[in-house]
Protein backbone atom coordinates (compact mmCIF):
# COMPACT_ATOMS: atom_id res chain seq x y z
CA MET A 1 -0.02 0.32 -0.20
CA ARG A 2 1.56 3.41 -0.06
CA GLY A 3 1.82 6.38 -1.00
CA ALA A 4 3.82 9.78 -1.37
CA ARG A 5 6.81 10.07 0.57
CA HIS A 6 10.65 10.10 -0.25
CA PRO A 7 12.52 7.71 -2.31
CA HIS A 8 9.60 5.35 -3.53
CA SER A 9 6.60 7.89 -3.98
CA HIS A 10 4.48 5.53 -6.37
CA PRO A 11 0.95 4.77 -6.28
CA ARG A 12 0.07 1.53 -5.88
CA THR A 13 -1.15 -0.27 -8.87
CA HIS A 14 -1.80 -4.00 -9.44
CA VAL A 15 -1.91 -7.48 -11.28
CA LYS A 16 -3.89 -10.37 -10.49
CA TRP A 17 -1.71 -11.95 -8.11
CA GLY A 18 -0.01 -8.83 -7.22
CA ALA A 19 0.79 -6.09 -5.13
CA CYS A 20 1.23 -2.29 -5.67
CA ALA A 21 3.41 -0.06 -6.16
CA ALA A 22 4.81 1.84 -3.38
CA ALA A 23 6.06 4.58 -1.95
CA VAL A 24 6.82 5.31 1.53
CA ALA A 25 4.98 7.88 3.48
CA LEU A 26 6.05 10.87 5.38
CA MET A 27 5.57 10.37 8.73
CA ALA A 28 7.11 11.42 12.16
CA SER A 29 5.29 11.12 15.63
CA GLY A 30 5.56 13.91 18.10
CA CYS A 31 4.52 14.69 21.53
CA GLY A 32 1.30 15.57 22.53
CA GLY A 33 -1.04 16.20 25.42
CA GLY A 34 -1.59 13.69 28.12
CA SER A 35 -5.21 13.24 27.90
CA GLY A 36 -5.90 9.57 27.13
CA SER A 37 -8.42 7.35 27.75
CA GLY A 38 -6.77 5.92 31.15
CA GLY A 39 -5.86 9.60 32.89
CA SER A 40 -2.01 10.02 33.50
CA GLY A 41 0.82 7.81 33.47
CA ASP A 42 2.21 5.46 31.20
CA SER A 43 -0.80 3.08 29.85
CA GLY A 44 -2.83 7.01 29.37
CA ALA A 45 -0.33 9.29 28.03
CA VAL A 46 -0.59 10.32 24.45
CA LEU A 47 2.46 10.68 21.97
CA SER A 48 1.72 12.87 18.80
CA ALA A 49 3.12 11.79 15.38
CA SER A 50 3.98 13.58 12.71
CA TRP A 51 2.04 12.27 9.58
CA GLY A 52 0.33 13.45 6.26
CA ASP A 53 -3.22 13.66 5.24
CA PRO A 54 -4.42 10.20 3.36
CA GLN A 55 -5.35 10.57 -0.23
CA ASN A 56 -8.86 8.83 -0.03
CA PRO A 57 -11.11 8.04 2.80
CA LEU A 58 -9.95 5.34 5.11
CA GLU A 59 -12.06 2.51 3.61
CA PRO A 60 -9.65 -0.51 3.76
CA ALA A 61 -10.12 -1.59 0.15
CA ASN A 62 -9.74 2.09 -1.04
CA THR A 63 -6.15 3.14 0.96
CA ASN A 64 -3.33 2.16 -1.04
CA GLU A 65 -0.77 4.46 0.31
CA VAL A 66 1.21 4.68 3.56
CA GLN A 67 -0.72 7.76 5.61
CA GLY A 68 -3.69 5.83 5.34
CA GLY A 69 -2.03 2.37 5.65
CA LYS A 70 -0.84 3.58 9.01
CA VAL A 71 -4.42 4.60 10.38
CA LEU A 72 -5.73 1.19 9.16
CA ASP A 73 -2.85 -0.48 11.04
CA MET A 74 -3.92 0.87 13.96
CA ILE A 75 -7.77 0.75 13.93
CA PHE A 76 -8.26 -2.78 12.09
CA ARG A 77 -7.01 -6.20 12.84
CA SER A 78 -7.31 -8.70 9.78
CA LEU A 79 -7.39 -12.85 9.58
CA LYS A 80 -3.51 -12.44 9.84
CA LYS A 81 -1.06 -10.28 11.36
CA TYR A 82 2.36 -10.00 10.21
CA ASP A 83 4.97 -10.16 13.32
CA PRO A 84 6.65 -7.10 13.39
CA GLU A 85 10.02 -8.18 13.99
CA THR A 86 10.04 -11.14 11.59
CA GLY A 87 7.19 -9.97 9.40
CA LYS A 88 5.85 -13.66 9.47
CA ALA A 89 2.17 -13.91 8.82
CA GLU A 90 0.64 -15.45 12.02
CA ASN A 91 -3.03 -15.95 12.65
CA MET A 92 -4.76 -12.90 14.33
CA LEU A 93 -8.66 -13.08 13.61
CA ALA A 94 -8.27 -16.68 11.87
CA GLU A 95 -8.41 -19.84 13.76
CA LYS A 96 -7.34 -21.79 11.14
CA ILE A 97 -7.08 -21.66 7.21
CA ALA A 98 -7.48 -25.19 5.54
CA THR A 99 -6.84 -26.17 1.99
CA SER A 100 -6.28 -29.48 0.42
CA ASP A 101 -5.54 -28.30 -2.92
CA SER A 102 -4.38 -24.45 -2.59
CA ARG A 103 -7.25 -23.26 -4.72
CA ASN A 104 -10.25 -24.05 -2.07
CA PHE A 105 -9.88 -22.27 1.52
CA THR A 106 -11.89 -22.80 4.47
CA VAL A 107 -11.75 -20.09 6.80
CA THR A 108 -12.36 -20.52 10.69
CA ILE A 109 -12.13 -17.37 12.68
CA LYS A 110 -12.21 -16.93 16.17
CA SER A 111 -15.08 -16.04 18.46
CA GLY A 112 -15.53 -13.30 20.81
CA TRP A 113 -14.21 -10.62 18.77
CA LYS A 114 -16.14 -7.08 18.37
CA PHE A 115 -15.72 -4.15 16.65
CA SER A 116 -15.50 -0.78 18.72
CA ASN A 117 -19.05 -0.14 18.50
CA GLY A 118 -20.16 -3.47 20.01
CA GLU A 119 -20.93 -5.27 17.11
CA ALA A 120 -19.80 -8.88 16.89
CA VAL A 121 -16.86 -9.71 14.02
CA THR A 122 -18.33 -12.63 12.14
CA ALA A 123 -17.60 -14.86 8.79
CA LYS A 124 -20.22 -12.35 7.09
CA SER A 125 -17.90 -9.41 8.48
CA PHE A 126 -15.16 -10.61 6.17
CA VAL A 127 -17.64 -11.96 2.93
CA ASP A 128 -19.37 -8.51 2.79
CA ALA A 129 -16.16 -6.59 3.23
CA TRP A 130 -14.16 -8.61 0.27
CA ASN A 131 -17.59 -8.42 -1.78
CA TYR A 132 -17.99 -4.47 -1.37
CA GLY A 133 -14.40 -4.11 -2.05
CA ALA A 134 -14.28 -6.03 -5.25
CA SER A 135 -17.26 -4.36 -7.02
CA LEU A 136 -16.80 -2.23 -9.71
CA LYS A 137 -19.54 -0.20 -8.53
CA ASN A 138 -17.82 0.79 -5.23
CA ASN A 139 -14.51 1.93 -7.32
CA GLN A 140 -12.51 0.44 -4.93
CA ARG A 141 -8.62 1.29 -5.23
CA ASN A 142 -7.57 -2.29 -3.85
CA ALA A 143 -10.29 -4.16 -5.84
CA TYR A 144 -7.52 -6.09 -7.71
CA PHE A 145 -6.38 -7.62 -4.59
CA PHE A 146 -9.69 -9.96 -5.02
CA GLY A 147 -9.10 -10.71 -8.41
CA TYR A 148 -7.93 -14.02 -8.00
CA ILE A 149 -11.15 -14.86 -6.35
CA ALA A 150 -13.58 -16.68 -8.65
CA GLY A 151 -16.03 -14.77 -10.04
CA TYR A 152 -13.88 -11.50 -10.12
CA ASP A 153 -14.51 -11.42 -13.79
CA LYS A 154 -17.97 -10.83 -13.26
CA VAL A 155 -17.92 -8.23 -10.30
CA HIS A 156 -15.09 -6.18 -11.87
CA PRO A 157 -15.15 -7.10 -15.85
CA ASP A 158 -12.55 -5.38 -17.77
CA SER A 159 -15.40 -4.51 -19.83
CA GLY A 160 -16.78 -2.38 -17.21
CA THR A 161 -20.42 -3.84 -17.26
CA GLN A 162 -21.06 -5.32 -13.81
CA THR A 163 -22.96 -8.68 -14.29
CA ALA A 164 -22.83 -9.95 -10.53
CA SER A 165 -22.68 -8.23 -7.37
CA THR A 166 -20.75 -10.84 -5.30
CA LEU A 167 -17.97 -12.89 -5.80
CA SER A 168 -19.09 -16.58 -6.44
CA GLY A 169 -15.94 -17.75 -4.63
CA LEU A 170 -17.07 -16.46 -1.57
CA LYS A 171 -19.66 -18.47 0.80
CA VAL A 172 -20.75 -17.92 4.50
CA VAL A 173 -21.19 -21.38 6.18
CA ASN A 174 -21.96 -20.29 9.59
CA GLY A 175 -21.04 -17.54 12.07
CA THR A 176 -17.59 -18.33 12.46
CA THR A 177 -16.74 -19.90 8.82
CA PHE A 178 -16.33 -18.72 5.37
CA THR A 179 -15.01 -20.42 2.21
CA VAL A 180 -12.85 -19.16 -0.49
CA LYS A 181 -12.59 -20.24 -3.72
CA LEU A 182 -9.70 -19.31 -6.17
CA ASP A 183 -9.72 -19.54 -9.70
CA GLN A 184 -5.96 -20.77 -9.91
CA LYS A 185 -3.85 -22.50 -7.39
CA PHE A 186 -2.33 -19.89 -5.26
CA SER A 187 -0.40 -22.14 -2.20
CA THR A 188 0.67 -18.77 -0.13
CA PHE A 189 -2.87 -16.82 -0.59
CA PRO A 190 -3.34 -17.45 3.24
CA ASP A 191 -0.21 -15.25 3.86
CA THR A 192 -1.49 -12.58 2.13
CA LEU A 193 -4.72 -11.85 4.31
CA GLY A 194 -2.88 -9.71 6.74
CA TYR A 195 -3.01 -7.22 4.20
CA PRO A 196 -5.50 -4.41 5.14
CA ALA A 197 -7.81 -4.44 2.18
CA PHE A 198 -9.21 -7.91 3.46
CA ALA A 199 -9.96 -6.42 7.05
CA PRO A 200 -13.55 -7.08 8.06
CA LEU A 201 -16.08 -4.21 8.32
CA PRO A 202 -19.21 -3.84 10.57
CA GLN A 203 -22.54 -3.71 9.36
CA ALA A 204 -22.37 0.14 10.45
CA PHE A 205 -20.31 0.72 7.30
CA PHE A 206 -23.39 -0.53 5.07
CA LYS A 207 -25.86 0.98 6.78
CA ASP A 208 -24.92 4.68 6.93
CA HIS A 209 -21.60 4.88 4.85
CA ALA A 210 -21.26 8.63 4.89
CA ALA A 211 -21.02 8.51 8.82
CA TRP A 212 -18.53 5.76 8.95
CA VAL A 213 -16.50 7.51 6.49
CA LYS A 214 -16.34 10.68 8.67
CA LYS A 215 -15.63 8.52 11.71
CA PRO A 216 -14.40 4.88 10.87
CA VAL A 217 -15.16 2.23 13.08
CA GLY A 218 -12.90 -0.86 13.35
CA ASN A 219 -11.59 -3.82 15.66
CA GLY A 220 -8.31 -2.86 16.08
CA PRO A 221 -6.32 -1.60 19.30
CA TYR A 222 -7.26 2.37 18.83
CA THR A 223 -10.43 4.20 17.82
CA VAL A 224 -10.86 7.32 15.70
CA GLU A 225 -11.61 10.37 17.86
CA SER A 226 -11.50 12.78 15.61
CA TYR A 227 -9.80 14.12 12.45
CA THR A 228 -9.47 17.58 10.99
CA ARG A 229 -8.06 17.43 7.40
CA GLY A 230 -4.76 19.55 7.12
CA SER A 231 -4.44 19.72 10.73
CA GLN A 232 -4.68 16.37 12.88
CA MET A 233 -6.06 13.07 13.47
CA SER A 234 -6.54 11.81 16.95
CA LEU A 235 -6.36 7.96 17.77
CA ARG A 236 -7.26 6.70 21.55
CA THR A 237 -6.68 3.40 23.06
CA TRP A 238 -9.96 1.21 22.87
CA ASP A 239 -10.26 -0.32 26.36
CA GLY A 240 -12.80 -3.18 25.06
CA TYR A 241 -10.13 -4.48 22.72
CA PRO A 242 -9.94 -8.27 22.49
CA GLY A 243 -6.63 -8.99 21.13
CA THR A 244 -3.26 -9.58 22.72
CA ASP A 245 -1.37 -6.62 21.07
CA LYS A 246 -3.16 -4.21 23.46
CA ALA A 247 -1.91 -0.36 23.08
CA ARG A 248 0.84 0.24 26.10
CA ASN A 249 -0.18 4.27 25.89
CA GLY A 250 -3.31 6.16 25.97
CA GLY A 251 -3.35 7.04 22.07
CA VAL A 252 -1.97 8.48 19.23
CA ASP A 253 -2.15 12.14 17.87
CA LEU A 254 -1.02 11.97 14.10
CA LYS A 255 -0.05 15.92 13.03
CA VAL A 256 -0.18 16.82 9.61
CA TYR A 257 3.26 17.88 8.06
CA THR A 258 3.96 18.55 4.48
CA ASP A 259 7.50 18.96 4.96
CA ASN A 260 10.06 16.27 7.11
CA ASN A 261 12.25 18.80 7.39
CA THR A 262 9.87 20.71 9.97
CA ALA A 263 8.72 17.73 11.31
CA TYR A 264 12.46 16.92 12.59
CA THR A 265 13.06 20.71 13.64
CA ASP A 266 10.18 20.00 15.73
CA LEU A 267 11.34 16.90 17.42
CA MET A 268 14.52 18.52 18.43
CA ALA A 269 12.50 21.22 19.74
CA GLY A 270 10.70 18.84 21.93
CA ASN A 271 7.20 19.29 20.17
CA LEU A 272 7.30 16.00 18.59
CA ASP A 273 8.13 12.58 20.08
CA LEU A 274 8.81 10.68 16.84
CA VAL A 275 9.88 11.04 13.48
CA ASP A 276 9.64 7.90 10.95
CA ASP A 277 11.10 9.30 8.03
CA VAL A 278 14.40 10.92 8.98
CA PRO A 279 15.15 13.66 6.33
CA ALA A 280 18.32 13.19 3.97
CA ALA A 281 19.61 16.41 4.97
CA GLN A 282 19.70 15.55 8.54
CA LEU A 283 21.48 12.10 8.20
CA LYS A 284 24.67 13.55 8.75
CA ASN A 285 23.61 14.94 12.05
CA VAL A 286 21.00 12.35 13.43
CA LYS A 287 23.54 10.13 15.46
CA SER A 288 24.86 13.22 17.33
CA ASP A 289 21.35 14.83 17.59
CA LEU A 290 19.80 11.60 19.11
CA GLY A 291 22.43 9.24 19.92
CA GLY A 292 20.50 5.83 20.91
CA ARG A 293 17.26 7.42 19.92
CA TYR A 294 17.93 7.09 16.08
CA ILE A 295 16.44 3.89 14.58
CA ASN A 296 17.89 2.71 10.93
CA THR A 297 16.53 -0.94 10.52
CA PRO A 298 15.87 -2.91 6.90
CA ALA A 299 12.23 -2.41 5.26
CA GLY A 300 10.88 -4.56 2.50
CA ILE A 301 11.97 -1.59 0.11
CA ILE A 302 13.86 -2.03 -3.07
CA GLN A 303 14.88 0.78 -5.39
CA THR A 304 15.51 -0.30 -9.11
CA LEU A 305 16.04 1.20 -12.60
CA ALA A 306 13.66 0.10 -15.08
CA PHE A 307 13.71 0.09 -18.84
CA PRO A 308 11.15 0.59 -21.57
CA PHE A 309 10.79 -2.49 -23.34
CA TYR A 310 8.28 -1.34 -25.62
CA ASP A 311 10.99 0.32 -27.22
CA PRO A 312 12.51 -1.60 -29.72
CA ARG A 313 15.81 0.02 -29.03
CA TRP A 314 16.15 -1.94 -25.52
CA ASN A 315 14.41 -4.69 -26.56
CA LYS A 316 16.90 -5.78 -29.52
CA PRO A 317 18.97 -9.17 -29.11
CA GLY A 318 21.84 -8.23 -27.18
CA MET A 319 20.53 -5.28 -25.34
CA GLU A 320 20.76 -7.68 -22.22
CA LYS A 321 24.97 -7.31 -22.41
CA VAL A 322 24.02 -3.30 -22.22
CA ARG A 323 21.95 -3.77 -19.25
CA LYS A 324 24.02 -5.89 -17.71
CA GLY A 325 26.94 -3.60 -18.43
CA LEU A 326 25.42 -0.52 -17.05
CA SER A 327 24.63 -2.26 -13.74
CA MET A 328 27.96 -3.26 -13.48
CA ALA A 329 28.91 0.61 -14.06
CA ILE A 330 26.99 1.38 -10.66
CA ASN A 331 29.22 1.79 -7.88
CA ARG A 332 26.36 0.94 -5.17
CA ASP A 333 28.66 0.58 -2.14
CA GLN A 334 30.01 4.33 -2.84
CA ILE A 335 26.57 5.74 -3.37
CA THR A 336 24.75 4.01 -0.21
CA ASP A 337 27.69 5.55 1.78
CA THR A 338 28.02 8.79 0.58
CA ILE A 339 24.51 9.74 -0.56
CA PHE A 340 22.31 7.55 1.92
CA ARG A 341 24.94 7.47 4.61
CA LYS A 342 24.00 3.77 5.03
CA THR A 343 20.26 3.87 5.32
CA ARG A 344 20.55 2.02 1.92
CA THR A 345 21.90 -1.29 1.55
CA PRO A 346 23.55 -2.34 -1.99
CA ALA A 347 21.13 -4.72 -3.64
CA THR A 348 22.18 -8.03 -4.64
CA ASP A 349 18.89 -9.76 -5.73
CA TRP A 350 15.44 -8.12 -6.59
CA THR A 351 13.56 -8.82 -3.42
CA SER A 352 14.53 -7.60 0.27
CA PRO A 353 16.65 -8.91 3.32
CA VAL A 354 13.44 -8.40 5.33
CA LEU A 355 11.76 -11.83 3.78
CA GLY A 356 14.53 -14.20 5.36
CA GLU A 357 16.42 -16.83 3.31
CA ASP A 358 13.11 -18.81 4.33
CA GLY A 359 10.86 -16.25 2.28
CA GLY A 360 12.91 -15.91 -0.53
CA PHE A 361 15.69 -13.64 0.12
CA LYS A 362 18.80 -15.10 -1.48
CA LYS A 363 21.78 -12.82 -0.88
CA GLY A 364 23.87 -12.69 -4.04
CA LEU A 365 21.68 -13.88 -6.18
CA CYS A 366 22.47 -11.11 -8.79
CA GLY A 367 26.04 -12.34 -9.04
CA SER A 368 28.50 -10.43 -10.65
CA ALA A 369 25.98 -8.21 -12.69
CA CYS A 370 25.47 -6.09 -9.75
CA ALA A 371 29.45 -6.03 -8.61
CA TYR A 372 30.86 -2.79 -9.72
CA ASN A 373 33.79 -3.52 -12.40
CA PRO A 374 34.09 -0.83 -14.80
CA ALA A 375 36.62 -2.84 -17.26
CA GLU A 376 33.84 -5.67 -17.56
CA ALA A 377 31.06 -2.59 -17.76
CA ARG A 378 32.63 -1.25 -20.69
CA LYS A 379 33.24 -4.64 -22.70
CA LEU A 380 29.38 -5.67 -21.92
CA VAL A 381 28.13 -2.45 -23.28
CA LYS A 382 30.49 -2.66 -26.41
CA LYS A 383 29.70 -6.22 -27.06
CA GLY A 384 25.78 -5.40 -26.80
CA GLY A 385 25.98 -2.58 -29.50
CA GLY A 386 26.37 0.38 -27.37
CA LEU A 387 24.28 2.47 -25.67
CA PRO A 388 20.82 3.56 -27.95
CA GLY A 389 21.69 6.81 -29.35
CA GLY A 390 25.14 6.95 -27.64
CA ARG A 391 23.71 8.32 -24.31
CA ILE A 392 21.09 7.47 -22.22
CA SER A 393 18.79 9.64 -19.84
CA ILE A 394 17.80 8.13 -16.50
CA THR A 395 14.18 10.11 -15.95
CA TYR A 396 12.90 10.68 -12.15
CA ASN A 397 10.38 12.99 -10.64
CA ALA A 398 12.35 15.95 -9.08
CA ASP A 399 9.23 16.91 -6.36
CA THR A 400 9.78 14.27 -3.83
CA GLY A 401 12.65 12.69 -2.32
CA SER A 402 16.21 13.07 -2.69
CA HIS A 403 16.39 11.78 -6.55
CA LYS A 404 18.49 14.47 -7.98
CA GLU A 405 21.27 13.65 -5.68
CA TRP A 406 21.53 9.71 -6.52
CA ILE A 407 20.47 9.75 -10.06
CA ASP A 408 23.31 12.05 -10.80
CA ALA A 409 25.57 9.75 -8.70
CA VAL A 410 24.77 6.99 -10.48
CA CYS A 411 24.96 8.86 -13.61
CA ASN A 412 28.39 9.95 -12.82
CA SER A 413 29.51 6.16 -11.80
CA VAL A 414 28.25 5.06 -15.29
CA ASN A 415 29.92 8.14 -16.91
CA ASN A 416 33.62 7.38 -14.86
CA ALA A 417 33.15 3.33 -15.60
CA LEU A 418 32.43 3.83 -19.46
CA ASP A 419 35.08 6.24 -19.60
CA ASN A 420 32.51 8.83 -21.49
CA ASP A 421 31.32 11.86 -19.41
CA LYS A 422 28.26 12.17 -21.87
CA ALA A 423 26.91 8.69 -21.32
CA CYS A 424 24.75 9.18 -18.72
CA VAL A 425 22.44 12.27 -17.53
CA GLY A 426 19.47 12.77 -15.28
CA LYS A 427 16.29 13.98 -16.85
CA PRO A 428 13.94 15.50 -13.95
CA ILE A 429 10.21 15.56 -14.55
CA GLY A 430 8.45 18.22 -12.36
CA THR A 431 5.79 16.31 -10.61
CA PHE A 432 5.44 12.78 -9.45
CA ALA A 433 1.59 12.90 -11.18
CA ASP A 434 3.56 14.18 -14.65
CA PHE A 435 6.18 11.32 -14.15
CA ARG A 436 3.64 8.55 -13.22
CA ASN A 437 1.57 9.58 -16.49
CA GLN A 438 4.43 9.20 -18.49
CA ILE A 439 5.46 6.13 -17.18
CA SER A 440 1.64 5.20 -17.81
CA GLY A 441 1.63 6.11 -21.35
CA HIS A 442 4.78 4.39 -22.14
CA LYS A 443 6.73 7.69 -23.11
CA MET A 444 9.81 6.84 -21.26
CA PRO A 445 12.94 7.65 -23.47
CA GLY A 446 15.25 4.98 -21.63
CA PRO A 447 15.92 4.10 -17.99
CA PHE A 448 13.71 5.08 -14.98
CA ARG A 449 13.36 5.27 -11.41
CA ALA A 450 11.43 2.45 -9.91
CA GLY A 451 10.54 1.44 -6.37
CA TRP A 452 8.77 -0.88 -4.42
CA GLN A 453 7.39 -1.40 -0.93
CA MET A 454 5.87 -4.80 -0.11
CA ASP A 455 2.26 -5.24 0.45
CA TYR A 456 3.03 -8.30 2.41
CA PRO A 457 6.28 -10.69 3.15
CA LEU A 458 6.41 -12.82 0.19
CA ILE A 459 9.00 -13.18 -2.83
CA GLN A 460 5.98 -13.85 -4.88
CA ASN A 461 5.13 -9.77 -3.91
CA PHE A 462 8.14 -8.48 -5.12
CA LEU A 463 8.52 -10.62 -8.69
CA GLN A 464 4.99 -11.19 -10.09
CA PRO A 465 3.52 -7.63 -9.86
CA LEU A 466 6.50 -6.21 -11.17
CA TYR A 467 7.72 -8.53 -13.81
CA TYR A 468 5.14 -10.83 -14.88
CA THR A 469 3.51 -10.47 -18.31
CA ASN A 470 1.10 -7.68 -18.56
CA ALA A 471 1.12 -7.25 -14.50
CA SER A 472 -0.32 -3.61 -14.25
CA SER A 473 3.07 -2.62 -12.26
CA ASN A 474 5.21 -3.89 -14.86
CA ASP A 475 5.88 -0.47 -16.04
CA GLY A 476 8.58 -1.30 -18.34
CA LYS A 477 6.77 -3.96 -20.18
CA TRP A 478 9.23 -6.65 -19.58
CA SER A 479 7.96 -9.98 -20.75
CA ASN A 480 9.51 -13.50 -20.89
CA LYS A 481 7.47 -16.64 -21.09
CA ASP A 482 10.20 -18.84 -18.66
CA PHE A 483 9.75 -16.35 -16.07
CA ASP A 484 5.96 -16.29 -16.37
CA HIS A 485 5.95 -19.98 -16.47
CA LEU A 486 7.94 -20.61 -13.31
CA VAL A 487 5.66 -18.01 -11.60
CA ASP A 488 2.72 -20.10 -12.48
CA GLN A 489 4.51 -23.39 -10.79
CA ALA A 490 5.68 -21.67 -7.72
CA ASN A 491 1.89 -20.32 -7.26
CA ALA A 492 0.93 -23.90 -7.69
CA GLU A 493 3.32 -25.53 -5.05
CA THR A 494 1.65 -26.91 -1.88
CA GLY A 495 4.52 -25.92 0.38
CA THR A 496 6.21 -22.48 0.62
CA ALA A 497 10.13 -23.88 0.67
CA LYS A 498 9.29 -25.39 -3.04
CA ALA A 499 7.37 -22.51 -3.94
CA VAL A 500 10.11 -20.25 -2.97
CA LYS A 501 12.52 -22.28 -4.84
CA LYS A 502 10.57 -21.98 -8.03
CA PHE A 503 10.13 -18.13 -7.51
CA GLN A 504 13.79 -17.81 -7.25
CA GLN A 505 14.36 -19.94 -10.50
CA ALA A 506 12.00 -17.03 -12.17
CA GLU A 507 14.10 -14.65 -10.47
CA GLU A 508 17.25 -16.21 -11.94
CA VAL A 509 15.73 -15.86 -15.49
CA LEU A 510 14.95 -12.29 -14.62
CA ARG A 511 18.47 -11.63 -13.57
CA ASP A 512 20.21 -13.33 -16.76
CA ASP A 513 18.24 -10.86 -19.09
CA MET A 514 18.67 -7.93 -16.47
CA GLY A 515 15.05 -7.17 -16.72
CA ALA A 516 15.59 -4.11 -14.39
CA ILE A 517 18.75 -3.11 -12.40
CA PRO A 518 18.46 -4.04 -8.63
CA LEU A 519 20.30 -0.75 -6.98
CA TRP A 520 19.60 -0.87 -3.41
CA TYR A 521 17.55 -1.96 -0.37
CA GLN A 522 16.17 1.14 1.65
CA ASN A 523 15.89 1.05 5.53
CA GLY A 524 13.22 2.54 7.37
CA SER A 525 14.45 5.34 9.64
CA ALA A 526 13.00 7.05 12.59
CA GLY A 527 14.19 9.30 15.46
CA TYR A 528 12.18 9.74 18.96
CA SER A 529 12.18 12.08 21.77
CA ASP A 530 13.32 10.79 25.53
CA ARG A 531 9.50 10.62 26.51
CA LEU A 532 9.27 7.14 24.76
CA SER A 533 10.55 4.10 24.85
CA ASP A 534 9.94 0.53 23.10
CA VAL A 535 10.08 2.37 19.61
CA ARG A 536 10.49 0.04 16.89
CA LEU A 537 9.60 -0.16 12.96
CA ASN A 538 8.04 -2.98 11.41
CA PRO A 539 9.49 -4.62 8.26
CA PHE A 540 7.17 -2.17 6.01
CA SER A 541 9.10 0.65 7.95
CA VAL A 542 6.20 1.71 9.72
CA PRO A 543 6.09 2.52 13.88
CA VAL A 544 4.70 -0.29 15.83
CA TYR A 545 2.39 2.31 17.54
CA ASN A 546 0.92 0.04 20.07
CA GLU A 547 4.06 -1.20 22.04
CA ILE A 548 5.35 2.52 22.60
CA LYS A 549 5.32 3.27 26.15
CA VAL A 550 5.29 7.25 26.91
CA GLY A 551 6.79 8.95 30.03
């Protein structure tokens, strides 16, 4: 999910099995008053946090950017929850999810769960929510997450003429059981169900939708007390929350900032408790400013350079050598050290270290193609027929993040390696919206900035949405039948270990053709005030708010 923030300002787009393109979002957290749900002291004290207004109303199936996603993670709990340390999908409201064929699933939910308005959470709460999210007439941005459930082609047809109002693959069995039928095998489907689009909804959502949107009601550890757009959203701890991950504070005031430098200044002035996006300009000072209250941990985010494979100049035989040569001309170590001060790690595959080896991360899978080697880079570019038109321009958006700095550094590295100071130049586009419009319109003249923040911690989420033929986040239109076939096989595998192995074979196909150049994995960064303790970022680079203690 994600939205406009620094290096990855991407909208989420989608594929049949996929996830969405992502940007991380600007968010910091700050200090606030002490009026919580439980008086003063640790459990009642409220922290304030910097934030940005969400793009859309906070409907789970309509929120596809980070700012809104942060709130959904606080006010909803789904069938699965991703462990804040490991990212592993663990049962939350699910008692069990059973299947014998990786296509038909029986979901049993735990009894005793309620929404904060007192309504019971039942199997119908999930089925109704998913049907609403999938329906074309509701125009939900995350509708495609339901695209693998049987009947999606009727409720959300490409033709635009809806012939069914509910998914034929969803059936309520009783109060705590429902069944899901997919239109193809997808063995790791249960692990996707911690994504907020799959959250349950109370009947109040359907009965008085306008009122619900104004003040959302969920089943998570926090409730929405008030929201003034452009100013602040106040969340308070829900004392009746039945989960084991209860809030350890009285609430969070999310304060709206349009500039993370201002948020950082407020943190240093004692007006803010937590900033989860330390500005690039402050990275040189942050350790001396905050000492042990600075966090720099890996997140499920990767930055890449994509290519316009719809342009015949980039898709002719031999061009894989040029793409590989460009990859070897980039000094990732130097750029992550000097520009990013080690808040990025040179990429050696196309996923993220937060997946772990069991989840599909394979350090070094890219091999020599991702290692800086100027002599070999020159040879490969020459063997492949040279740069199209004799030079390349790397397109990026100039309005968010510090893209100019690193794009210029990449081009300097390429120019030095190829011994040609005109080989590479950065090509800025004024706004993120214009940048995305040109990408969607297939107007990229050469390599362009691309990035991905995972929706859920599966290797499938890093590969299929981005590189499968015609996947809607496949912005460069790379296409390879062997890759597609291996992805299909991986999805049909019955065990995670077997599926991971197949996905890694698909990733090797991507490597051999250098379908995109992996640059670096991004870390989550945060700084916090001495009022707070137990602060950490989860693998999505979002603060684990419910664990934070104040005072």
